[in-house]
């Protein structure tokens, strides 16, 4: 039960980061993904924008829905929930940002696969673009937080 509790707390911390200090990470990743898709694939600019926006919004909504479902389940479990390990301090933003980048990358790759499975676009290239855009966005978000 401790493993499930720890994993649940990790995802809760990631979600809280995504709606607070890390709120700029998803728009930055979306913007970078538009550029990567437009320049690195045969997609038109409009299709790159629509694909990127759709995938980013869907991944955020699915992640938020899973967190809300997990909170509802935790609310009805009799086990006490402790928040001993919740990350804080300046040095943890990169860890939280990269964790969020990993979560969003996984969800976005799955959605891109579903959207573009029948096209001639290389899914390996799209996966590379998704991971690069999310990692660069995590680094930029950390840089903005350290300079402000």
Protein backbone atom coordinates (compact mmCIF):
# COMPACT_ATOMS: atom_id res chain seq x y z
CA UNK A 1 0.00 0.00 0.00
CA UNK A 2 2.95 2.31 0.66
CA UNK A 3 4.08 2.04 -2.99
CA UNK A 4 0.65 3.03 -4.30
CA UNK A 5 0.53 5.91 -1.84
CA UNK A 6 4.00 7.13 -2.87
CA UNK A 7 3.20 6.91 -6.59
CA UNK A 8 -0.09 8.71 -6.02
CA UNK A 9 1.65 11.47 -4.08
CA UNK A 10 4.25 11.82 -6.85
CA UNK A 11 1.56 12.32 -9.49
CA UNK A 12 -0.32 14.72 -7.21
CA UNK A 13 2.84 16.81 -6.75
CA UNK A 14 3.40 16.78 -10.52
CA UNK A 15 -0.15 17.94 -11.15
CA UNK A 16 0.09 20.68 -8.51
CA UNK A 17 3.31 21.83 -10.18
CA UNK A 18 1.63 21.86 -13.60
CA UNK A 19 -1.14 24.18 -12.44
CA UNK A 20 1.04 26.48 -10.32
CA UNK A 21 4.71 27.30 -10.88
CA UNK A 22 5.05 25.10 -13.96
CA UNK A 23 2.00 26.46 -15.77
CA UNK A 24 4.19 27.88 -18.55
CA UNK A 25 5.71 24.49 -19.37
CA UNK A 26 2.79 23.19 -21.47
CA UNK A 27 2.41 26.31 -23.67
CA UNK A 28 6.17 26.46 -24.29
CA UNK A 29 6.21 22.77 -25.22
CA UNK A 30 3.20 23.30 -27.50
CA UNK A 31 4.90 26.21 -29.26
CA UNK A 32 8.12 24.21 -29.74
CA UNK A 33 6.17 21.20 -30.97
CA UNK A 34 4.42 23.38 -33.58
CA UNK A 35 7.80 24.53 -34.87
CA UNK A 36 9.28 21.02 -34.87
CA UNK A 37 6.25 19.50 -36.62
CA UNK A 38 6.05 22.25 -39.20
CA UNK A 39 9.74 22.14 -40.10
CA UNK A 40 10.47 18.44 -39.54
CA UNK A 41 7.45 16.70 -41.01
CA UNK A 42 5.37 17.08 -44.17
CA UNK A 43 2.53 18.61 -42.14
CA UNK A 44 1.27 22.03 -43.17
CA UNK A 45 1.49 24.86 -40.66
CA UNK A 46 -2.24 24.75 -39.89
CA UNK A 47 -2.21 20.99 -39.37
CA UNK A 48 0.89 21.24 -37.17
CA UNK A 49 -0.81 23.89 -35.04
CA UNK A 50 -4.05 21.93 -34.75
CA UNK A 51 -2.27 18.65 -33.97
CA UNK A 52 -0.03 20.23 -31.38
CA UNK A 53 -2.83 22.14 -29.65
CA UNK A 54 -5.14 19.12 -29.64
CA UNK A 55 -2.51 16.79 -28.24
CA UNK A 56 -1.36 19.26 -25.58
CA UNK A 57 -4.87 20.04 -24.36
CA UNK A 58 -5.92 16.37 -24.39
CA UNK A 59 -2.84 15.27 -22.45
CA UNK A 60 -3.40 17.95 -19.81
CA UNK A 61 -7.11 17.08 -19.50
CA UNK A 62 -6.47 13.33 -19.26
CA UNK A 63 -3.71 13.88 -16.69
CA UNK A 64 -5.99 16.16 -14.64
CA UNK A 65 -8.89 13.70 -14.88
CA UNK A 66 -6.66 10.84 -13.67
CA UNK A 67 -5.49 12.96 -10.73
CA UNK A 68 -9.07 13.87 -9.81
CA UNK A 69 -10.10 10.21 -10.01
CA UNK A 70 -7.13 9.25 -7.84
CA UNK A 71 -8.05 11.91 -5.29
CA UNK A 72 -11.62 10.65 -5.21
CA UNK A 73 -10.38 7.10 -4.58
CA UNK A 74 -7.94 8.28 -1.90
CA UNK A 75 -10.72 10.23 -0.19
CA UNK A 76 -12.66 7.03 0.39
CA UNK A 77 -9.78 4.82 1.53
CA UNK A 78 -9.34 4.42 5.27
CA UNK A 79 -5.52 4.51 5.14
CA UNK A 80 -3.98 7.78 6.35
CA UNK A 81 -2.15 9.75 3.68
CA UNK A 82 1.09 11.45 4.67
CA UNK A 83 2.89 14.11 2.70
CA UNK A 84 6.35 13.67 4.17
CA UNK A 85 8.26 13.66 0.93
CA UNK A 86 6.57 16.57 -0.92
CA UNK A 87 9.32 18.33 -2.80
CA UNK A 88 10.22 21.90 -2.02
CA UNK A 89 13.11 24.26 -2.56
CA UNK A 90 14.86 25.70 -5.58
CA UNK A 91 16.74 22.53 -6.49
CA UNK A 92 13.61 20.42 -6.96
CA UNK A 93 12.04 22.41 -9.81
CA UNK A 94 14.13 20.62 -12.42
CA UNK A 95 13.12 17.22 -11.06
CA UNK A 96 9.45 18.15 -11.01
CA UNK A 97 9.68 19.76 -14.45
CA UNK A 98 11.37 16.73 -15.96
CA UNK A 99 8.83 14.43 -14.33
CA UNK A 100 6.04 16.49 -15.83
CA UNK A 101 7.83 16.45 -19.19
CA UNK A 102 7.94 12.66 -19.03
CA UNK A 103 4.26 12.36 -18.17
CA UNK A 104 3.18 14.78 -20.90
CA UNK A 105 5.55 13.18 -23.43
CA UNK A 106 4.07 9.74 -22.84
CA UNK A 107 0.49 10.99 -23.16
CA UNK A 108 1.26 13.15 -26.20
CA UNK A 109 3.06 10.31 -28.01
CA UNK A 110 0.03 8.07 -27.44
CA UNK A 111 -2.32 10.74 -28.79
CA UNK A 112 -0.08 11.46 -31.78
CA UNK A 113 0.02 7.76 -32.54
CA UNK A 114 -3.76 7.66 -32.47
CA UNK A 115 -4.10 10.76 -34.66
CA UNK A 116 -1.37 10.02 -37.21
CA UNK A 117 -1.30 6.21 -37.25
CA UNK A 118 -2.75 6.04 -40.76
CA UNK A 119 -0.48 8.69 -42.31
CA UNK A 120 3.00 8.38 -43.81
CA UNK A 121 4.61 10.45 -41.05
CA UNK A 122 7.33 8.69 -39.09
CA UNK A 123 6.13 8.06 -35.54
CA UNK A 124 9.74 7.80 -34.37
CA UNK A 125 10.35 11.34 -35.60
CA UNK A 126 7.17 12.63 -33.96
CA UNK A 127 8.13 10.91 -30.68
CA UNK A 128 11.56 12.52 -30.86
CA UNK A 129 9.98 15.96 -31.45
CA UNK A 130 7.54 15.49 -28.56
CA UNK A 131 10.29 14.47 -26.13
CA UNK A 132 12.59 17.28 -27.27
CA UNK A 133 9.89 19.94 -26.98
CA UNK A 134 8.87 18.81 -23.49
CA UNK A 135 12.46 18.58 -22.21
CA UNK A 136 13.37 22.00 -23.64
CA UNK A 137 10.20 23.46 -22.10
CA UNK A 138 11.15 21.98 -18.70
CA UNK A 139 14.62 23.52 -18.97
CA UNK A 140 13.22 26.90 -20.02
CA UNK A 141 10.66 26.87 -17.21
CA UNK A 142 13.42 26.16 -14.70
CA UNK A 143 15.59 28.93 -16.18
CA UNK A 144 12.71 31.42 -15.96
CA UNK A 145 12.06 30.49 -12.32
CA UNK A 146 15.71 30.83 -11.35
CA UNK A 147 16.04 34.27 -12.96
CA UNK A 148 12.82 35.69 -11.52
